[in-house]
């Protein structure tokens, strides 16, 4: 831990800026992971199977109650379909589309910031390295030729710390952002697929 702190302080002021980027990234990642992977997700296969069973038994009230038990994005959209089950298929689809337009921005909210923060961390690391190298070269004139090589090596080593820290922040941020985006895409795909499926099932039952 002492070596880690020593390396951090040697990296200079850019290390603190990258640390701030890390804090913002962690806050967004934790919030998005909770919202997308936990709050907005559901066991789709089990949920749809139970919902279809209730619809086929014409128990719409219990089907709506089932959707009310979850805050998942899919359940919220399908609840709108069921609440409009007495209308036409077009009515149900319009209700689902309106809710989907509300749900999707909630799912995608702030995720794009992670891409930006990962790039900022990388660029700050490179900027810190360049600044460190410039400082190292400028200080060479103050020492004799015999000590210049050692000082240059130490300066380069110090300068590279910011690049390492920037990449250490950027790589996990990109990875987590990809996971969140993948899960978001899956939820939206399920909404599109099962909205049509449940709407058609209700229309068929009425017919």
N, C-alpha and C. Protein backbone atom coordinates (compact mmCIF):
# COMPACT_ATOMS: atom_id res chain seq x y z
N UNK A 1 0.83 -1.20 0.00
CA UNK A 1 0.00 0.00 0.00
C UNK A 1 0.87 1.26 0.00
N UNK A 2 1.97 1.22 0.79
CA UNK A 2 2.88 2.35 0.84
C UNK A 2 3.51 2.62 -0.51
N UNK A 3 3.90 1.56 -1.22
CA UNK A 3 4.50 1.70 -2.56
C UNK A 3 3.48 2.28 -3.53
N UNK A 4 2.23 1.84 -3.42
CA UNK A 4 1.18 2.34 -4.29
C UNK A 4 0.96 3.83 -4.07
N UNK A 5 0.90 4.24 -2.82
CA UNK A 5 0.71 5.66 -2.51
C UNK A 5 1.90 6.48 -2.97
N UNK A 6 3.11 5.92 -2.81
CA UNK A 6 4.31 6.62 -3.25
C UNK A 6 4.30 6.83 -4.76
N UNK A 7 3.93 5.78 -5.50
CA UNK A 7 3.85 5.89 -6.95
C UNK A 7 2.80 6.92 -7.36
N UNK A 8 1.70 6.93 -6.61
CA UNK A 8 0.62 7.86 -6.93
C UNK A 8 1.09 9.31 -6.77
N UNK A 9 1.76 9.59 -5.67
CA UNK A 9 2.24 10.96 -5.42
C UNK A 9 3.34 11.36 -6.40
N UNK A 10 4.16 10.40 -6.84
CA UNK A 10 5.21 10.69 -7.80
C UNK A 10 4.65 11.09 -9.16
N UNK A 11 3.43 10.60 -9.45
CA UNK A 11 2.84 10.88 -10.75
C UNK A 11 2.47 12.33 -10.97
N UNK A 12 2.37 13.10 -9.90
CA UNK A 12 2.09 14.52 -10.04
C UNK A 12 0.60 14.85 -10.02
N UNK A 13 0.31 16.09 -10.38
CA UNK A 13 -1.06 16.58 -10.26
C UNK A 13 -2.05 15.89 -11.18
N UNK A 14 -1.56 15.34 -12.30
CA UNK A 14 -2.47 14.65 -13.22
C UNK A 14 -3.07 13.39 -12.59
N UNK A 15 -2.36 12.80 -11.65
CA UNK A 15 -2.88 11.61 -10.97
C UNK A 15 -4.15 11.96 -10.19
N UNK A 16 -4.20 13.14 -9.61
CA UNK A 16 -5.38 13.56 -8.84
C UNK A 16 -6.56 13.83 -9.75
N UNK A 17 -6.27 14.37 -10.92
CA UNK A 17 -7.35 14.62 -11.89
C UNK A 17 -7.92 13.29 -12.37
N UNK A 18 -7.05 12.33 -12.66
CA UNK A 18 -7.50 11.01 -13.09
C UNK A 18 -8.27 10.32 -11.96
N UNK A 19 -7.85 10.54 -10.73
CA UNK A 19 -8.57 9.99 -9.58
C UNK A 19 -9.99 10.54 -9.52
N UNK A 20 -10.14 11.82 -9.81
CA UNK A 20 -11.47 12.43 -9.84
C UNK A 20 -12.33 11.78 -10.93
N UNK A 21 -11.72 11.50 -12.08
CA UNK A 21 -12.43 10.82 -13.17
C UNK A 21 -12.86 9.42 -12.71
N UNK A 22 -11.99 8.75 -11.97
CA UNK A 22 -12.30 7.42 -11.44
C UNK A 22 -13.51 7.47 -10.51
N UNK A 23 -13.55 8.47 -9.65
CA UNK A 23 -14.67 8.60 -8.71
C UNK A 23 -15.98 8.80 -9.45
N UNK A 24 -15.99 9.68 -10.44
CA UNK A 24 -17.19 9.91 -11.24
C UNK A 24 -17.59 8.64 -11.99
N UNK A 25 -16.62 7.95 -12.55
CA UNK A 25 -16.90 6.71 -13.30
C UNK A 25 -17.51 5.66 -12.40
N UNK A 26 -16.93 5.49 -11.21
CA UNK A 26 -17.46 4.49 -10.27
C UNK A 26 -18.89 4.80 -9.87
N UNK A 27 -19.17 6.08 -9.63
CA UNK A 27 -20.53 6.47 -9.23
C UNK A 27 -21.53 6.12 -10.33
N UNK A 28 -21.19 6.43 -11.57
CA UNK A 28 -22.09 6.14 -12.69
C UNK A 28 -22.21 4.64 -12.90
N UNK A 29 -21.09 3.92 -12.84
CA UNK A 29 -21.11 2.47 -13.06
C UNK A 29 -21.98 1.77 -12.02
N UNK A 30 -21.82 2.11 -10.77
CA UNK A 30 -22.59 1.45 -9.72
C UNK A 30 -24.08 1.74 -9.87
N UNK A 31 -24.43 2.99 -10.17
CA UNK A 31 -25.83 3.36 -10.34
C UNK A 31 -26.44 2.65 -11.54
N UNK A 32 -25.70 2.62 -12.66
CA UNK A 32 -26.21 1.98 -13.88
C UNK A 32 -26.29 0.47 -13.75
N UNK A 33 -25.31 -0.13 -13.09
CA UNK A 33 -25.35 -1.57 -12.87
C UNK A 33 -26.56 -1.96 -12.04
N UNK A 34 -26.83 -1.17 -11.01
CA UNK A 34 -28.00 -1.45 -10.18
C UNK A 34 -29.29 -1.26 -10.97
N UNK A 35 -29.39 -0.15 -11.70
CA UNK A 35 -30.63 0.16 -12.40
C UNK A 35 -30.91 -0.81 -13.55
N UNK A 36 -29.89 -1.09 -14.36
CA UNK A 36 -30.08 -1.90 -15.56
C UNK A 36 -30.09 -3.39 -15.25
N UNK A 37 -29.11 -3.84 -14.47
CA UNK A 37 -28.96 -5.27 -14.23
C UNK A 37 -29.86 -5.81 -13.12
N UNK A 38 -30.31 -4.93 -12.22
CA UNK A 38 -31.13 -5.40 -11.09
C UNK A 38 -32.56 -4.85 -11.17
N UNK A 39 -32.68 -3.52 -11.11
CA UNK A 39 -34.02 -2.94 -11.04
C UNK A 39 -34.83 -3.15 -12.31
N UNK A 40 -34.20 -3.03 -13.47
CA UNK A 40 -34.93 -3.08 -14.74
C UNK A 40 -34.95 -4.47 -15.37
N UNK A 41 -34.35 -5.45 -14.72
CA UNK A 41 -34.27 -6.80 -15.28
C UNK A 41 -35.27 -7.73 -14.60
N UNK A 42 -35.56 -8.82 -15.29
CA UNK A 42 -36.51 -9.80 -14.78
C UNK A 42 -36.18 -11.14 -15.42
N UNK A 43 -36.59 -12.22 -14.77
CA UNK A 43 -36.45 -13.55 -15.38
C UNK A 43 -37.50 -13.66 -16.49
N UNK A 44 -37.10 -13.28 -17.69
CA UNK A 44 -38.05 -13.12 -18.79
C UNK A 44 -38.82 -14.40 -19.09
N UNK A 45 -38.13 -15.51 -19.15
CA UNK A 45 -38.78 -16.77 -19.51
C UNK A 45 -39.87 -17.13 -18.52
N UNK A 46 -39.57 -17.06 -17.23
CA UNK A 46 -40.55 -17.41 -16.20
C UNK A 46 -41.70 -16.41 -16.18
N UNK A 47 -41.37 -15.12 -16.29
CA UNK A 47 -42.39 -14.07 -16.25
C UNK A 47 -43.36 -14.20 -17.41
N UNK A 48 -42.86 -14.37 -18.62
CA UNK A 48 -43.72 -14.47 -19.80
C UNK A 48 -44.58 -15.73 -19.74
N UNK A 49 -44.00 -16.83 -19.29
CA UNK A 49 -44.76 -18.08 -19.20
C UNK A 49 -45.95 -17.92 -18.25
N UNK A 50 -45.72 -17.30 -17.11
CA UNK A 50 -46.79 -17.09 -16.14
C UNK A 50 -47.82 -16.10 -16.67
N UNK A 51 -47.35 -15.07 -17.36
CA UNK A 51 -48.25 -14.07 -17.91
C UNK A 51 -49.15 -14.67 -18.99
N UNK A 52 -48.56 -15.47 -19.86
CA UNK A 52 -49.34 -16.12 -20.91
C UNK A 52 -50.39 -17.05 -20.33
N UNK A 53 -50.04 -17.72 -19.27
CA UNK A 53 -50.99 -18.64 -18.61
C UNK A 53 -52.19 -17.86 -18.07
N UNK A 54 -51.95 -16.72 -17.46
CA UNK A 54 -53.04 -15.90 -16.93
C UNK A 54 -53.91 -15.33 -18.05
N UNK A 55 -53.28 -14.91 -19.13
CA UNK A 55 -54.04 -14.36 -20.26
C UNK A 55 -54.91 -15.44 -20.89
N UNK A 56 -54.35 -16.61 -21.07
CA UNK A 56 -55.10 -17.72 -21.67
C UNK A 56 -56.28 -18.16 -20.80
N UNK A 57 -56.15 -17.95 -19.49
CA UNK A 57 -57.28 -18.25 -18.59
C UNK A 57 -58.20 -17.05 -18.44
N UNK A 58 -57.93 -16.00 -19.23
CA UNK A 58 -58.72 -14.77 -19.27
C UNK A 58 -58.76 -14.04 -17.92
N UNK A 59 -57.71 -14.19 -17.16
CA UNK A 59 -57.63 -13.53 -15.86
C UNK A 59 -56.74 -12.28 -16.00
N UNK A 60 -57.30 -11.25 -16.60
CA UNK A 60 -56.52 -10.04 -16.90
C UNK A 60 -56.14 -9.27 -15.64
N UNK A 61 -56.99 -9.29 -14.65
CA UNK A 61 -56.68 -8.56 -13.41
C UNK A 61 -55.43 -9.12 -12.74
N UNK A 62 -55.35 -10.44 -12.70
CA UNK A 62 -54.17 -11.07 -12.10
C UNK A 62 -52.93 -10.87 -12.98
N UNK A 63 -53.15 -10.80 -14.29
CA UNK A 63 -52.03 -10.55 -15.21
C UNK A 63 -51.47 -9.15 -14.97
N UNK A 64 -52.37 -8.19 -14.80
CA UNK A 64 -51.92 -6.82 -14.50
C UNK A 64 -51.25 -6.78 -13.14
N UNK A 65 -51.79 -7.50 -12.17
CA UNK A 65 -51.21 -7.54 -10.82
C UNK A 65 -49.80 -8.14 -10.87
N UNK A 66 -49.62 -9.13 -11.74
CA UNK A 66 -48.29 -9.75 -11.89
C UNK A 66 -47.29 -8.71 -12.40
N UNK A 67 -47.70 -7.91 -13.36
CA UNK A 67 -46.81 -6.85 -13.88
C UNK A 67 -46.52 -5.80 -12.82
N UNK A 68 -47.49 -5.57 -11.95
CA UNK A 68 -47.31 -4.56 -10.90
C UNK A 68 -46.32 -5.00 -9.83
N UNK A 69 -46.02 -6.28 -9.77
CA UNK A 69 -45.09 -6.78 -8.74
C UNK A 69 -43.64 -6.49 -9.08
N UNK A 70 -43.39 -6.00 -10.29
CA UNK A 70 -42.01 -5.77 -10.72
C UNK A 70 -41.85 -4.38 -11.31
N UNK A 71 -40.68 -3.78 -11.06
CA UNK A 71 -40.33 -2.50 -11.67
C UNK A 71 -39.51 -2.68 -12.94
N UNK A 72 -39.38 -3.93 -13.38
CA UNK A 72 -38.60 -4.21 -14.59
C UNK A 72 -39.21 -3.51 -15.79
N UNK A 73 -38.36 -3.12 -16.73
CA UNK A 73 -38.81 -2.39 -17.91
C UNK A 73 -39.85 -3.17 -18.70
N UNK A 74 -39.61 -4.46 -18.89
CA UNK A 74 -40.53 -5.30 -19.66
C UNK A 74 -41.89 -5.36 -18.99
N UNK A 75 -41.92 -5.54 -17.68
CA UNK A 75 -43.18 -5.63 -16.93
C UNK A 75 -43.95 -4.32 -17.03
N UNK A 76 -43.26 -3.20 -16.99
CA UNK A 76 -43.92 -1.89 -17.06
C UNK A 76 -44.58 -1.67 -18.42
N UNK A 77 -43.91 -2.11 -19.49
CA UNK A 77 -44.48 -1.94 -20.83
C UNK A 77 -45.66 -2.88 -21.04
N UNK A 78 -45.50 -4.12 -20.63
CA UNK A 78 -46.58 -5.10 -20.82
C UNK A 78 -47.80 -4.75 -19.97
N UNK A 79 -47.59 -4.09 -18.85
CA UNK A 79 -48.71 -3.65 -18.03
C UNK A 79 -49.61 -2.68 -18.81
N UNK A 80 -48.96 -1.83 -19.62
CA UNK A 80 -49.75 -0.90 -20.44
C UNK A 80 -50.55 -1.63 -21.51
N UNK A 81 -49.97 -2.70 -22.04
CA UNK A 81 -50.70 -3.52 -23.02
C UNK A 81 -51.93 -4.13 -22.37
N UNK A 82 -51.75 -4.70 -21.19
CA UNK A 82 -52.85 -5.37 -20.49
C UNK A 82 -53.94 -4.39 -20.04
N UNK A 83 -53.52 -3.19 -19.64
CA UNK A 83 -54.49 -2.18 -19.20
C UNK A 83 -55.38 -1.73 -20.36
N UNK A 84 -54.92 -1.95 -21.58
CA UNK A 84 -55.70 -1.57 -22.76
C UNK A 84 -56.22 -2.80 -23.51
N UNK A 85 -56.36 -3.90 -22.80
CA UNK A 85 -56.73 -5.16 -23.46
C UNK A 85 -58.14 -5.13 -24.05
N UNK A 86 -58.99 -4.24 -23.55
CA UNK A 86 -60.35 -4.17 -24.08
C UNK A 86 -60.41 -3.44 -25.42
N UNK A 87 -59.35 -2.77 -25.78
CA UNK A 87 -59.30 -2.06 -27.06
C UNK A 87 -58.83 -2.96 -28.18
N UNK A 88 -58.48 -2.33 -29.29
CA UNK A 88 -57.98 -3.09 -30.44
C UNK A 88 -56.49 -3.37 -30.27
N UNK A 89 -55.98 -4.20 -31.16
CA UNK A 89 -54.54 -4.46 -31.15
C UNK A 89 -53.74 -3.19 -31.35
N UNK A 90 -54.28 -2.30 -32.16
CA UNK A 90 -53.61 -1.01 -32.40
C UNK A 90 -53.57 -0.18 -31.12
N UNK A 91 -54.65 -0.20 -30.35
CA UNK A 91 -54.69 0.54 -29.08
C UNK A 91 -53.62 0.03 -28.12
N UNK A 92 -53.50 -1.28 -28.04
CA UNK A 92 -52.50 -1.88 -27.15
C UNK A 92 -51.09 -1.55 -27.59
N UNK A 93 -50.85 -1.56 -28.90
CA UNK A 93 -49.52 -1.26 -29.41
C UNK A 93 -49.14 0.19 -29.18
N UNK A 94 -50.12 1.09 -29.36
CA UNK A 94 -49.86 2.52 -29.12
C UNK A 94 -49.50 2.76 -27.66
N UNK A 95 -50.23 2.10 -26.75
CA UNK A 95 -49.95 2.24 -25.31
C UNK A 95 -48.56 1.71 -24.98
N UNK A 96 -48.20 0.58 -25.60
CA UNK A 96 -46.88 -0.01 -25.37
C UNK A 96 -45.78 0.90 -25.92
N UNK A 97 -46.01 1.46 -27.10
CA UNK A 97 -45.01 2.35 -27.70
C UNK A 97 -44.78 3.58 -26.84
N UNK A 98 -45.86 4.14 -26.31
CA UNK A 98 -45.74 5.33 -25.46
C UNK A 98 -44.92 5.03 -24.21
N UNK A 99 -45.16 3.86 -23.61
CA UNK A 99 -44.40 3.49 -22.41
C UNK A 99 -42.96 3.17 -22.76
N UNK A 100 -42.75 2.56 -23.90
CA UNK A 100 -41.39 2.24 -24.33
C UNK A 100 -40.56 3.51 -24.52
N UNK A 101 -41.19 4.54 -25.05
CA UNK A 101 -40.49 5.82 -25.24
C UNK A 101 -40.10 6.44 -23.90
N UNK A 102 -40.80 6.06 -22.85
CA UNK A 102 -40.46 6.53 -21.51
C UNK A 102 -39.36 5.67 -20.88
N UNK A 103 -39.42 4.38 -21.14
CA UNK A 103 -38.52 3.41 -20.50
C UNK A 103 -37.12 3.45 -21.09
N UNK A 104 -37.01 3.52 -22.41
CA UNK A 104 -35.70 3.43 -23.06
C UNK A 104 -34.73 4.53 -22.61
N UNK A 105 -35.15 5.81 -22.55
CA UNK A 105 -34.22 6.83 -22.05
C UNK A 105 -33.75 6.57 -20.63
N UNK A 106 -34.61 5.97 -19.81
CA UNK A 106 -34.21 5.63 -18.44
C UNK A 106 -33.13 4.56 -18.46
N UNK A 107 -33.24 3.61 -19.37
CA UNK A 107 -32.25 2.53 -19.46
C UNK A 107 -30.90 3.04 -19.98
N UNK A 108 -30.95 3.97 -20.93
CA UNK A 108 -29.72 4.45 -21.57
C UNK A 108 -29.10 5.66 -20.87
N UNK A 109 -29.78 6.17 -19.88
CA UNK A 109 -29.35 7.38 -19.19
C UNK A 109 -27.94 7.23 -18.60
N UNK A 110 -27.09 8.18 -18.87
CA UNK A 110 -25.74 8.32 -18.33
C UNK A 110 -24.73 7.26 -18.79
N UNK A 111 -25.17 6.23 -19.48
CA UNK A 111 -24.23 5.19 -19.92
C UNK A 111 -23.18 5.76 -20.88
N UNK A 112 -23.61 6.68 -21.73
CA UNK A 112 -22.67 7.27 -22.70
C UNK A 112 -21.56 8.06 -22.01
N UNK A 113 -21.80 8.51 -20.78
CA UNK A 113 -20.77 9.25 -20.06
C UNK A 113 -19.56 8.36 -19.77
N UNK A 114 -19.79 7.06 -19.64
CA UNK A 114 -18.69 6.15 -19.32
C UNK A 114 -17.67 6.10 -20.46
N UNK A 115 -18.14 6.11 -21.69
CA UNK A 115 -17.23 6.15 -22.84
C UNK A 115 -16.39 7.42 -22.80
N UNK A 116 -17.06 8.54 -22.52
CA UNK A 116 -16.35 9.81 -22.47
C UNK A 116 -15.31 9.82 -21.35
N UNK A 117 -15.69 9.33 -20.17
CA UNK A 117 -14.77 9.33 -19.03
C UNK A 117 -13.58 8.41 -19.27
N UNK A 118 -13.79 7.29 -19.93
CA UNK A 118 -12.67 6.38 -20.22
C UNK A 118 -11.67 7.05 -21.16
N UNK A 119 -12.18 7.79 -22.14
CA UNK A 119 -11.29 8.50 -23.06
C UNK A 119 -10.55 9.63 -22.35
N UNK A 120 -11.26 10.32 -21.47
CA UNK A 120 -10.63 11.41 -20.71
C UNK A 120 -9.50 10.85 -19.84
N UNK A 121 -9.75 9.72 -19.18
CA UNK A 121 -8.72 9.11 -18.32
C UNK A 121 -7.48 8.75 -19.13
N UNK A 122 -7.69 8.16 -20.31
CA UNK A 122 -6.57 7.79 -21.17
C UNK A 122 -5.78 9.02 -21.62
N UNK A 123 -6.49 10.04 -22.07
CA UNK A 123 -5.83 11.25 -22.56
C UNK A 123 -5.13 12.01 -21.44
N UNK A 124 -5.73 12.04 -20.27
CA UNK A 124 -5.07 12.69 -19.14
C UNK A 124 -3.78 11.95 -18.77
N UNK A 125 -3.81 10.63 -18.86
CA UNK A 125 -2.61 9.85 -18.59
C UNK A 125 -1.50 10.18 -19.57
N UNK A 126 -1.85 10.27 -20.86
CA UNK A 126 -0.85 10.62 -21.87
C UNK A 126 -0.35 12.05 -21.68
N UNK A 127 -1.27 12.96 -21.35
CA UNK A 127 -0.88 14.35 -21.12
C UNK A 127 0.06 14.46 -19.93
N UNK A 128 -0.24 13.69 -18.88
CA UNK A 128 0.64 13.69 -17.72
C UNK A 128 2.01 13.15 -18.04
N UNK A 129 2.06 12.13 -18.89
CA UNK A 129 3.35 11.56 -19.30
C UNK A 129 4.16 12.56 -20.11
N UNK A 130 3.51 13.25 -21.03
CA UNK A 130 4.21 14.25 -21.83
C UNK A 130 4.75 15.37 -20.95
N UNK A 131 3.89 15.83 -20.01
CA UNK A 131 4.33 16.89 -19.10
C UNK A 131 5.51 16.42 -18.25
N UNK A 132 5.47 15.18 -17.80
CA UNK A 132 6.56 14.62 -17.00
C UNK A 132 7.84 14.50 -17.78
N UNK A 133 7.74 14.08 -19.04
CA UNK A 133 8.93 13.96 -19.88
C UNK A 133 9.54 15.33 -20.16
N UNK A 134 8.70 16.30 -20.40
CA UNK A 134 9.22 17.66 -20.63
C UNK A 134 9.95 18.17 -19.39
N UNK A 135 9.39 17.89 -18.24
CA UNK A 135 10.03 18.30 -16.99
C UNK A 135 11.37 17.60 -16.79
N UNK A 136 11.39 16.30 -17.16
CA UNK A 136 12.63 15.53 -17.00
C UNK A 136 13.72 16.06 -17.92
N UNK A 137 13.39 16.34 -19.17
CA UNK A 137 14.39 16.84 -20.12
C UNK A 137 14.88 18.24 -19.73
N UNK A 138 13.96 19.06 -19.22
CA UNK A 138 14.35 20.41 -18.83
C UNK A 138 15.32 20.41 -17.65
N UNK A 139 15.20 19.40 -16.80
CA UNK A 139 16.05 19.34 -15.60
C UNK A 139 17.43 18.75 -15.88
N UNK A 140 17.65 18.22 -17.10
CA UNK A 140 18.94 17.59 -17.40
C UNK A 140 20.09 18.59 -17.41
N UNK A 141 19.78 19.83 -17.75
CA UNK A 141 20.84 20.82 -17.83
C UNK A 141 21.43 21.19 -16.48
N UNK A 142 20.74 20.83 -15.41
CA UNK A 142 21.21 21.20 -14.07
C UNK A 142 22.15 20.18 -13.47
N UNK A 143 22.40 19.07 -14.18
CA UNK A 143 23.27 18.03 -13.63
C UNK A 143 24.40 17.72 -14.61
N UNK A 144 25.42 17.03 -14.11
CA UNK A 144 26.57 16.67 -14.95
C UNK A 144 26.20 15.54 -15.89
N UNK A 145 27.01 15.33 -16.90
CA UNK A 145 26.76 14.30 -17.89
C UNK A 145 26.64 12.91 -17.31
N UNK A 146 27.38 12.64 -16.24
CA UNK A 146 27.36 11.30 -15.65
C UNK A 146 26.03 10.99 -14.98
N UNK A 147 25.39 12.02 -14.44
CA UNK A 147 24.13 11.81 -13.74
C UNK A 147 22.91 11.99 -14.62
N UNK A 148 23.14 12.46 -15.84
CA UNK A 148 22.00 12.74 -16.70
C UNK A 148 21.21 11.49 -17.06
N UNK A 149 21.91 10.39 -17.35
CA UNK A 149 21.23 9.16 -17.73
C UNK A 149 20.33 8.65 -16.60
N UNK A 150 20.84 8.70 -15.36
CA UNK A 150 20.05 8.24 -14.24
C UNK A 150 18.83 9.14 -14.02
N UNK A 151 19.06 10.45 -14.12
CA UNK A 151 17.95 11.38 -13.92
C UNK A 151 16.90 11.22 -15.01
N UNK A 152 17.34 10.99 -16.25
CA UNK A 152 16.41 10.81 -17.36
C UNK A 152 15.57 9.54 -17.15
N UNK A 153 16.23 8.46 -16.71
CA UNK A 153 15.51 7.22 -16.46
C UNK A 153 14.47 7.39 -15.36
N UNK A 154 14.84 8.09 -14.31
CA UNK A 154 13.91 8.33 -13.22
C UNK A 154 12.75 9.21 -13.67
N UNK A 155 13.05 10.19 -14.50
CA UNK A 155 12.02 11.10 -15.00
C UNK A 155 11.02 10.38 -15.89
N UNK A 156 11.54 9.49 -16.77
CA UNK A 156 10.66 8.73 -17.66
C UNK A 156 9.78 7.78 -16.85
N UNK A 157 10.39 7.12 -15.87
CA UNK A 157 9.63 6.20 -15.02
C UNK A 157 8.50 6.92 -14.30
N UNK A 158 8.80 8.10 -13.79
CA UNK A 158 7.80 8.90 -13.09
C UNK A 158 6.70 9.34 -14.05
N UNK A 159 7.09 9.76 -15.24
CA UNK A 159 6.13 10.25 -16.22
C UNK A 159 5.17 9.15 -16.68
N UNK A 160 5.66 7.92 -16.81
CA UNK A 160 4.84 6.82 -17.30
C UNK A 160 3.77 6.39 -16.31
N UNK A 161 3.91 6.80 -15.05
CA UNK A 161 2.93 6.44 -14.03
C UNK A 161 1.54 6.97 -14.36
N UNK A 162 1.47 8.16 -14.94
CA UNK A 162 0.16 8.73 -15.25
C UNK A 162 -0.53 7.96 -16.37
N UNK A 163 0.24 7.53 -17.37
CA UNK A 163 -0.34 6.71 -18.44
C UNK A 163 -0.87 5.40 -17.88
N UNK A 164 -0.09 4.77 -17.01
CA UNK A 164 -0.52 3.51 -16.41
C UNK A 164 -1.81 3.69 -15.60
N UNK A 165 -1.87 4.76 -14.81
CA UNK A 165 -3.05 5.00 -13.99
C UNK A 165 -4.25 5.34 -14.86
N UNK A 166 -4.02 6.12 -15.92
CA UNK A 166 -5.11 6.47 -16.84
C UNK A 166 -5.70 5.24 -17.50
N UNK A 167 -4.85 4.33 -17.94
CA UNK A 167 -5.33 3.09 -18.56
C UNK A 167 -5.99 2.17 -17.54
N UNK A 168 -5.47 2.19 -16.31
CA UNK A 168 -6.07 1.38 -15.25
C UNK A 168 -7.50 1.82 -14.98
N UNK A 169 -7.78 3.09 -15.13
CA UNK A 169 -9.14 3.61 -14.96
C UNK A 169 -9.97 3.35 -16.22
N UNK A 170 -9.37 3.55 -17.39
CA UNK A 170 -10.12 3.49 -18.65
C UNK A 170 -10.57 2.07 -19.00
N UNK A 171 -9.71 1.08 -18.84
CA UNK A 171 -10.03 -0.27 -19.29
C UNK A 171 -11.25 -0.86 -18.56
N UNK A 172 -11.30 -0.85 -17.23
CA UNK A 172 -12.50 -1.37 -16.55
C UNK A 172 -13.76 -0.56 -16.87
N UNK A 173 -13.58 0.75 -17.07
CA UNK A 173 -14.73 1.59 -17.39
C UNK A 173 -15.33 1.19 -18.74
N UNK A 174 -14.48 0.95 -19.72
CA UNK A 174 -14.95 0.50 -21.04
C UNK A 174 -15.63 -0.86 -20.93
N UNK A 175 -15.05 -1.75 -20.14
CA UNK A 175 -15.60 -3.09 -19.98
C UNK A 175 -16.99 -3.05 -19.33
N UNK A 176 -17.12 -2.29 -18.25
CA UNK A 176 -18.41 -2.19 -17.56
C UNK A 176 -19.44 -1.51 -18.46
N UNK A 177 -19.01 -0.49 -19.19
CA UNK A 177 -19.93 0.19 -20.11
C UNK A 177 -20.46 -0.78 -21.17
N UNK A 178 -19.59 -1.66 -21.66
CA UNK A 178 -20.02 -2.65 -22.65
C UNK A 178 -21.03 -3.63 -22.07
N UNK A 179 -20.82 -4.04 -20.82
CA UNK A 179 -21.77 -4.94 -20.16
C UNK A 179 -23.13 -4.26 -20.00
N UNK A 180 -23.12 -3.02 -19.56
CA UNK A 180 -24.37 -2.27 -19.36
C UNK A 180 -25.09 -2.08 -20.69
N UNK A 181 -24.35 -1.72 -21.74
CA UNK A 181 -24.95 -1.53 -23.05
C UNK A 181 -25.54 -2.83 -23.59
N UNK A 182 -24.82 -3.93 -23.38
CA UNK A 182 -25.31 -5.23 -23.84
C UNK A 182 -26.60 -5.62 -23.15
N UNK A 183 -26.67 -5.40 -21.85
CA UNK A 183 -27.88 -5.73 -21.09
C UNK A 183 -29.03 -4.81 -21.49
N UNK A 184 -28.72 -3.54 -21.70
CA UNK A 184 -29.75 -2.59 -22.14
C UNK A 184 -30.34 -3.00 -23.48
N UNK A 185 -29.46 -3.39 -24.40
CA UNK A 185 -29.91 -3.84 -25.72
C UNK A 185 -30.79 -5.08 -25.61
N UNK A 186 -30.44 -6.00 -24.70
CA UNK A 186 -31.24 -7.21 -24.51
C UNK A 186 -32.62 -6.86 -23.95
N UNK A 187 -32.70 -5.95 -23.00
CA UNK A 187 -33.98 -5.55 -22.42
C UNK A 187 -34.87 -4.92 -23.48
N UNK A 188 -34.30 -4.03 -24.31
CA UNK A 188 -35.07 -3.38 -25.36
C UNK A 188 -35.55 -4.40 -26.39
N UNK A 189 -34.70 -5.36 -26.70
CA UNK A 189 -35.07 -6.42 -27.64
C UNK A 189 -36.23 -7.25 -27.08
N UNK A 190 -36.18 -7.56 -25.79
CA UNK A 190 -37.27 -8.32 -25.15
C UNK A 190 -38.57 -7.53 -25.18
N UNK A 191 -38.47 -6.23 -24.94
CA UNK A 191 -39.67 -5.38 -24.98
C UNK A 191 -40.31 -5.44 -26.36
N UNK A 192 -39.50 -5.27 -27.40
CA UNK A 192 -40.03 -5.31 -28.77
C UNK A 192 -40.66 -6.66 -29.08
N UNK A 193 -39.97 -7.73 -28.69
CA UNK A 193 -40.44 -9.08 -29.02
C UNK A 193 -41.73 -9.44 -28.28
N UNK A 194 -41.73 -9.22 -26.97
CA UNK A 194 -42.85 -9.71 -26.16
C UNK A 194 -44.05 -8.76 -26.16
N UNK A 195 -43.82 -7.52 -26.52
CA UNK A 195 -44.97 -6.62 -26.70
C UNK A 195 -45.84 -7.12 -27.85
N UNK A 196 -45.20 -7.45 -28.94
CA UNK A 196 -45.92 -7.99 -30.10
C UNK A 196 -46.56 -9.33 -29.76
N UNK A 197 -45.81 -10.19 -29.08
CA UNK A 197 -46.31 -11.53 -28.77
C UNK A 197 -47.52 -11.48 -27.84
N UNK A 198 -47.45 -10.69 -26.80
CA UNK A 198 -48.57 -10.60 -25.84
C UNK A 198 -49.77 -9.90 -26.49
N UNK A 199 -49.52 -8.87 -27.28
CA UNK A 199 -50.62 -8.20 -27.99
C UNK A 199 -51.34 -9.16 -28.91
N UNK A 200 -50.58 -9.92 -29.68
CA UNK A 200 -51.19 -10.90 -30.60
C UNK A 200 -51.95 -11.98 -29.83
N UNK A 201 -51.43 -12.37 -28.69
CA UNK A 201 -52.10 -13.40 -27.89
C UNK A 201 -53.47 -12.88 -27.40
N UNK A 202 -53.50 -11.64 -26.92
CA UNK A 202 -54.76 -11.07 -26.44
C UNK A 202 -55.77 -10.92 -27.58
N UNK A 203 -55.28 -10.45 -28.72
CA UNK A 203 -56.16 -10.30 -29.89
C UNK A 203 -56.73 -11.67 -30.30
N UNK A 204 -55.86 -12.69 -30.28
CA UNK A 204 -56.30 -14.04 -30.64
C UNK A 204 -57.34 -14.57 -29.66
N UNK A 205 -57.14 -14.29 -28.37
CA UNK A 205 -58.09 -14.75 -27.36
C UNK A 205 -59.45 -14.06 -27.53
N UNK A 206 -59.43 -12.81 -27.90
CA UNK A 206 -60.66 -12.06 -28.13
C UNK A 206 -61.37 -12.53 -29.40
N UNK A 207 -60.55 -12.93 -30.39
CA UNK A 207 -61.13 -13.36 -31.66
C UNK A 207 -61.79 -14.72 -31.55
